[in-house]
Amino acid sequence: MKSNMTTLCYIEKDGAYLMLHRVKKQNDENGGKWIGVGGHFEYGESPEDCMKREISEETGLAAREWRYRGVVTFVSDEFGTEYMHLFTVHGFEGTLRDCDEGVLEWVKKDRLSSLPAWEGDRIFLDLLAKDAPFFSLKLVYSGEKLISAELDGEKIK
């Protein structure tokens, strides 16, 4: 199985995150789920380069102020291993446009837990809500079921 480097970003405005409802791509491992925006690194990119490019490509917005929040290691028996660099953006400019991967919507942070999402996403969204310091989170899945989680090397599930 291959390993992947990706970014995931939660753009913040007025107590909401810009969320992507993944409903447009065929054979999408995130199909039907609500996630932040982001994607795979291109050759030579830093995490910040990738984050800024993916935001621009998926939303039309330009990130101006952000925080690098943590690294999430996803281990999946179906999709391999992914090392995701997690960001929040609190300063941006530009005009939001349609995304070819799904539907973009500003979602109030207190509504996030009611949306279809990966179980592990709820763990790191909670860490963001608590303004946790930079963290390393490891999430191990069997299919779509989260079977274990470690935060900074300590088992939490």
Protein backbone atom coordinates (compact mmCIF):
# COMPACT_ATOMS: atom_id res chain seq x y z
CA MET A 1 0.00 0.00 0.00
CA LYS A 2 1.19 3.51 -0.74
CA SER A 3 1.72 6.31 1.74
CA ASN A 4 0.50 9.83 1.07
CA MET A 5 1.28 13.34 2.28
CA THR A 6 -1.72 15.68 2.35
CA THR A 7 -3.02 18.86 3.91
CA LEU A 8 -6.42 19.55 5.44
CA CYS A 9 -7.53 23.06 6.26
CA TYR A 10 -10.43 24.56 8.15
CA ILE A 11 -11.07 28.14 7.01
CA GLU A 12 -12.73 30.13 9.80
CA LYS A 13 -15.25 32.97 9.56
CA ASP A 14 -17.89 34.20 12.03
CA GLY A 15 -17.85 31.08 14.22
CA ALA A 16 -18.05 28.74 11.21
CA TYR A 17 -15.71 26.58 9.15
CA LEU A 18 -15.84 26.33 5.38
CA MET A 19 -16.75 22.67 4.88
CA LEU A 20 -16.71 20.55 1.74
CA HIS A 21 -19.54 18.03 1.33
CA ARG A 22 -17.88 15.40 -0.87
CA VAL A 23 -20.63 14.51 -3.34
CA LYS A 24 -19.18 15.10 -6.84
CA LYS A 25 -16.25 12.69 -7.37
CA GLN A 26 -16.60 9.06 -8.45
CA ASN A 27 -14.94 6.43 -6.22
CA ASP A 28 -14.22 9.03 -3.53
CA GLU A 29 -12.93 7.57 -0.25
CA ASN A 30 -14.53 10.63 1.41
CA GLY A 31 -17.79 10.28 -0.56
CA GLY A 32 -20.82 11.68 1.28
CA LYS A 33 -18.73 13.03 4.16
CA TRP A 34 -18.12 16.62 5.25
CA ILE A 35 -14.44 17.57 5.48
CA GLY A 36 -12.23 20.64 5.33
CA VAL A 37 -10.43 21.58 2.11
CA GLY A 38 -7.05 20.21 1.11
CA GLY A 39 -5.31 17.55 -0.87
CA HIS A 40 -2.10 15.85 -1.91
CA PHE A 41 1.35 17.44 -1.95
CA GLU A 42 2.93 18.16 -5.31
CA TYR A 43 6.68 17.68 -5.84
CA GLY A 44 8.78 20.12 -3.82
CA GLU A 45 5.90 21.61 -1.82
CA SER A 46 6.09 22.40 1.87
CA PRO A 47 2.96 21.82 3.99
CA GLU A 48 2.20 25.55 3.73
CA ASP A 49 2.69 25.58 -0.07
CA CYS A 50 0.29 22.65 -0.45
CA MET A 51 -2.29 24.17 1.91
CA LYS A 52 -2.31 27.51 0.08
CA ARG A 53 -2.49 25.89 -3.38
CA GLU A 54 -5.28 23.50 -2.41
CA ILE A 55 -7.35 26.30 -0.85
CA SER A 56 -6.96 28.36 -4.01
CA GLU A 57 -7.83 25.42 -6.31
CA GLU A 58 -10.83 24.22 -4.30
CA THR A 59 -12.34 27.52 -3.12
CA GLY A 60 -10.88 30.42 -5.11
CA LEU A 61 -9.75 31.99 -1.82
CA ALA A 62 -6.20 33.00 -0.89
CA ALA A 63 -4.98 32.15 2.63
CA ARG A 64 -3.26 35.11 4.31
CA GLU A 65 -3.14 34.13 8.01
CA TRP A 66 -3.04 30.58 9.33
CA ARG A 67 -1.88 28.23 12.08
CA TYR A 68 -0.23 24.87 11.53
CA ARG A 69 -2.14 22.82 14.11
CA GLY A 70 -0.83 19.28 13.91
CA VAL A 71 -0.07 16.11 11.99
CA VAL A 72 -2.68 13.38 11.70
CA THR A 73 -1.53 9.89 10.70
CA PHE A 74 -4.37 7.90 9.15
CA VAL A 75 -3.80 4.16 8.90
CA SER A 76 -6.40 2.29 6.86
CA ASP A 77 -6.70 -1.32 5.80
CA GLU A 78 -8.43 -0.04 2.62
CA PHE A 79 -6.63 3.19 1.72
CA GLY A 80 -3.09 2.79 3.05
CA THR A 81 -1.40 5.38 5.25
CA GLU A 82 -1.82 9.13 4.95
CA TYR A 83 0.15 11.82 6.77
CA MET A 84 -2.13 14.84 6.92
CA HIS A 85 -0.87 18.27 7.91
CA LEU A 86 -3.72 20.12 9.64
CA PHE A 87 -4.21 23.89 9.40
CA THR A 88 -6.73 26.53 10.39
CA VAL A 89 -6.97 29.73 8.36
CA HIS A 90 -8.28 32.87 10.04
CA GLY A 91 -7.31 35.42 7.38
CA PHE A 92 -8.14 35.10 3.69
CA GLU A 93 -9.23 37.11 0.68
CA GLY A 94 -10.95 36.49 -2.60
CA THR A 95 -14.34 35.31 -3.80
CA LEU A 96 -15.64 31.84 -3.01
CA ARG A 97 -16.34 29.74 -6.09
CA ASP A 98 -17.78 26.29 -6.77
CA CYS A 99 -15.60 23.24 -6.12
CA ASP A 100 -15.47 20.28 -8.51
CA GLU A 101 -15.06 17.84 -5.58
CA GLY A 102 -18.23 18.73 -3.69
CA VAL A 103 -20.39 21.49 -2.27
CA LEU A 104 -18.78 24.21 -0.12
CA GLU A 105 -20.79 25.54 2.80
CA TRP A 106 -20.06 27.67 5.86
CA VAL A 107 -21.06 25.49 8.84
CA LYS A 108 -21.29 26.81 12.39
CA LYS A 109 -18.78 24.97 14.56
CA ASP A 110 -21.50 23.78 16.97
CA ARG A 111 -23.23 21.97 14.05
CA LEU A 112 -20.18 19.99 12.91
CA SER A 113 -20.85 16.97 15.13
CA SER A 114 -24.22 16.38 13.45
CA LEU A 115 -22.74 16.02 9.94
CA PRO A 116 -21.60 12.74 8.33
CA ALA A 117 -17.81 12.60 8.84
CA TRP A 118 -14.99 10.23 9.70
CA GLU A 119 -15.11 9.37 13.42
CA GLY A 120 -11.49 10.48 13.86
CA ASP A 121 -12.27 13.90 12.38
CA ARG A 122 -14.40 14.58 15.46
CA ILE A 123 -11.30 14.01 17.64
CA PHE A 124 -9.15 16.58 15.86
CA LEU A 125 -12.04 19.04 15.47
CA ASP A 126 -12.45 18.84 19.25
CA LEU A 127 -8.72 19.53 19.68
CA LEU A 128 -9.07 22.58 17.41
CA ALA A 129 -12.11 23.78 19.41
CA LYS A 130 -10.07 23.46 22.63
CA ASP A 131 -7.18 25.38 21.01
CA ALA A 132 -4.85 22.46 21.76
CA PRO A 133 -1.13 23.06 21.18
CA PHE A 134 0.51 21.45 18.12
CA PHE A 135 -0.32 17.74 18.24
CA SER A 136 0.32 14.37 16.62
CA LEU A 137 -2.79 12.23 16.27
CA LYS A 138 -2.74 8.65 14.94
CA LEU A 139 -6.05 7.18 13.76
CA VAL A 140 -6.32 3.50 12.75
CA TYR A 141 -9.31 2.37 10.71
CA SER A 142 -10.75 -0.95 9.64
CA GLY A 143 -12.98 0.03 6.75
CA GLU A 144 -14.85 3.10 8.02
CA LYS A 145 -14.62 2.05 11.68
CA LEU A 146 -12.09 3.79 13.92
CA ILE A 147 -10.40 0.99 15.88
CA SER A 148 -7.74 2.98 17.77
CA ALA A 149 -6.49 6.50 18.34
CA GLU A 150 -3.32 7.89 19.91
CA LEU A 151 -2.70 11.53 20.83
CA ASP A 152 0.97 12.50 21.13
CA GLY A 153 1.88 8.80 21.44
CA GLU A 154 -0.68 8.01 24.18
CA LYS A 155 -3.66 5.73 23.52
CA ILE A 156 -7.00 7.58 23.76
CA LYS A 157 -9.22 4.93 22.11
